[in-house]
Amino acid sequence: MAKKKLREGQELDSLIPSIKSAEKNLDDLLEGARAEAAELIQGTETEAALRIQRSRDEIPALLARERESRMVSLHARAAEQLEAAREENRRLEKKAAEGMEAAVTLIVSRVWPVPEK
């Protein structure tokens, strides 16, 4: 029995360095993973900051293109409305001219009546 206990103690003593070595390896791997994660986070933050700055730099040009596009659209719409207003004005002038002719004819007939035959 004493021999068996001695053997178990020796086995435990021989396992302790192996366990400590495995723990050290795991700690080293964990530290490496943490360092790699920190590098990835830093790289991602840097890339995000660059993209944000690039986007901010592109905003004025984007707004200028949008403004130009709207101006072209507004000019086209204004030209259409101007042409419609001119057409309406011509129609009203023609109607007024016709009404003027009828009014002049009526006034002249009242001033110089045509003798009936």
Protein backbone atom coordinates (compact mmCIF):
# COMPACT_ATOMS: atom_id res chain seq x y z
CA MET A 1 0.00 0.00 0.00
CA ALA A 2 2.84 2.38 0.81
CA LYS A 3 4.33 1.57 -2.53
CA LYS A 4 1.05 2.43 -4.24
CA LYS A 5 0.83 5.80 -2.45
CA LEU A 6 4.41 6.55 -3.37
CA ARG A 7 3.69 5.82 -7.01
CA GLU A 8 0.59 8.06 -6.98
CA GLY A 9 2.62 10.88 -5.43
CA GLN A 10 5.34 10.49 -8.06
CA GLU A 11 2.73 10.48 -10.82
CA LEU A 12 1.20 13.68 -9.43
CA ASP A 13 4.65 15.24 -9.12
CA SER A 14 5.38 14.40 -12.76
CA LEU A 15 1.99 15.82 -13.91
CA ILE A 16 2.46 19.19 -12.20
CA PRO A 17 5.21 20.40 -14.59
CA SER A 18 3.15 19.21 -17.56
CA ILE A 19 0.09 21.06 -16.27
CA LYS A 20 2.12 24.19 -15.59
CA SER A 21 3.66 23.98 -19.05
CA ALA A 22 0.19 23.59 -20.63
CA GLU A 23 -1.09 26.53 -18.58
CA LYS A 24 1.86 28.64 -19.74
CA ASN A 25 1.16 27.70 -23.36
CA LEU A 26 -2.52 28.58 -22.93
CA ASP A 27 -1.61 31.90 -21.29
CA ASP A 28 0.76 32.67 -24.17
CA LEU A 29 -1.92 31.79 -26.72
CA LEU A 30 -4.47 33.93 -24.87
CA GLU A 31 -2.07 36.87 -24.77
CA GLY A 32 -1.37 36.45 -28.49
CA ALA A 33 -5.08 36.33 -29.26
CA ARG A 34 -5.64 39.46 -27.18
CA ALA A 35 -2.83 41.27 -28.98
CA GLU A 36 -4.19 40.19 -32.37
CA ALA A 37 -7.70 41.31 -31.37
CA ALA A 38 -6.33 44.67 -30.23
CA GLU A 39 -4.55 45.10 -33.58
CA LEU A 40 -7.73 44.19 -35.48
CA ILE A 41 -9.75 46.65 -33.42
CA GLN A 42 -7.18 49.40 -33.96
CA GLY A 43 -7.06 48.70 -37.70
CA THR A 44 -10.83 48.68 -37.95
CA GLU A 45 -11.13 51.95 -36.00
CA THR A 46 -8.50 53.56 -38.22
CA GLU A 47 -10.26 52.35 -41.39
CA ALA A 48 -13.62 53.58 -40.05
CA ALA A 49 -12.14 56.99 -39.24
CA LEU A 50 -10.68 57.23 -42.77
CA ARG A 51 -14.01 56.28 -44.34
CA ILE A 52 -15.86 58.81 -42.20
CA GLN A 53 -13.40 61.54 -43.18
CA ARG A 54 -13.63 60.55 -46.87
CA SER A 55 -17.42 60.70 -46.64
CA ARG A 56 -17.27 64.12 -44.99
CA ASP A 57 -14.92 65.33 -47.72
CA GLU A 58 -17.30 64.07 -50.43
CA ILE A 59 -20.41 65.77 -48.97
CA PRO A 60 -19.81 69.21 -50.57
CA ALA A 61 -19.38 67.69 -54.03
CA LEU A 62 -22.45 65.52 -53.52
CA LEU A 63 -24.49 68.54 -52.45
CA ALA A 64 -23.22 70.52 -55.45
CA ARG A 65 -24.27 67.73 -57.84
CA GLU A 66 -27.66 67.50 -56.15
CA ARG A 67 -28.12 71.29 -56.31
CA GLU A 68 -27.13 71.32 -60.00
CA SER A 69 -29.56 68.50 -60.75
CA ARG A 70 -32.38 70.32 -58.99
CA MET A 71 -31.55 73.57 -60.75
CA VAL A 72 -31.74 71.84 -64.14
CA SER A 73 -35.07 70.31 -63.17
CA LEU A 74 -36.40 73.65 -61.90
CA HIS A 75 -35.25 75.46 -65.04
CA ALA A 76 -37.00 72.88 -67.22
CA ARG A 77 -40.19 73.15 -65.17
CA ALA A 78 -40.03 76.97 -65.26
CA ALA A 79 -39.57 76.89 -69.05
CA GLU A 80 -42.62 74.61 -69.39
CA GLN A 81 -44.70 76.87 -67.17
CA LEU A 82 -43.50 79.99 -69.03
CA GLU A 83 -44.51 78.46 -72.36
CA ALA A 84 -47.91 77.48 -70.93
CA ALA A 85 -48.37 81.04 -69.59
CA ARG A 86 -47.40 82.52 -72.97
CA GLU A 87 -49.85 80.23 -74.74
CA GLU A 88 -52.60 81.26 -72.30
CA ASN A 89 -51.67 84.93 -72.85
CA ARG A 90 -51.91 84.49 -76.65
CA ARG A 91 -55.29 82.81 -76.24
CA LEU A 92 -56.56 85.63 -74.03
CA GLU A 93 -55.21 88.30 -76.41
CA LYS A 94 -56.95 86.59 -79.33
CA LYS A 95 -60.21 86.39 -77.36
CA ALA A 96 -59.83 90.06 -76.34
CA ALA A 97 -59.18 91.06 -79.95
CA GLU A 98 -62.30 89.19 -81.06
CA GLY A 99 -64.29 90.85 -78.28
CA MET A 100 -62.84 94.24 -79.25
CA GLU A 101 -63.94 93.73 -82.85
CA ALA A 102 -67.45 92.86 -81.71
CA ALA A 103 -67.50 95.89 -79.36
CA VAL A 104 -66.30 98.28 -82.09
CA THR A 105 -68.88 96.90 -84.50
CA LEU A 106 -71.61 97.38 -81.89
CA ILE A 107 -70.46 100.94 -81.04
CA VAL A 108 -70.21 101.90 -84.72
CA SER A 109 -73.67 100.47 -85.41
CA ARG A 110 -75.09 102.55 -82.58
CA VAL A 111 -73.35 105.72 -83.69
CA TRP A 112 -73.96 105.28 -87.43
CA PRO A 113 -76.92 103.09 -87.79
CA VAL A 114 -77.27 101.40 -91.11
CA PRO A 115 -80.53 102.33 -92.70
CA GLU A 116 -82.84 99.41 -93.09
CA LYS A 117 -84.10 98.71 -96.54
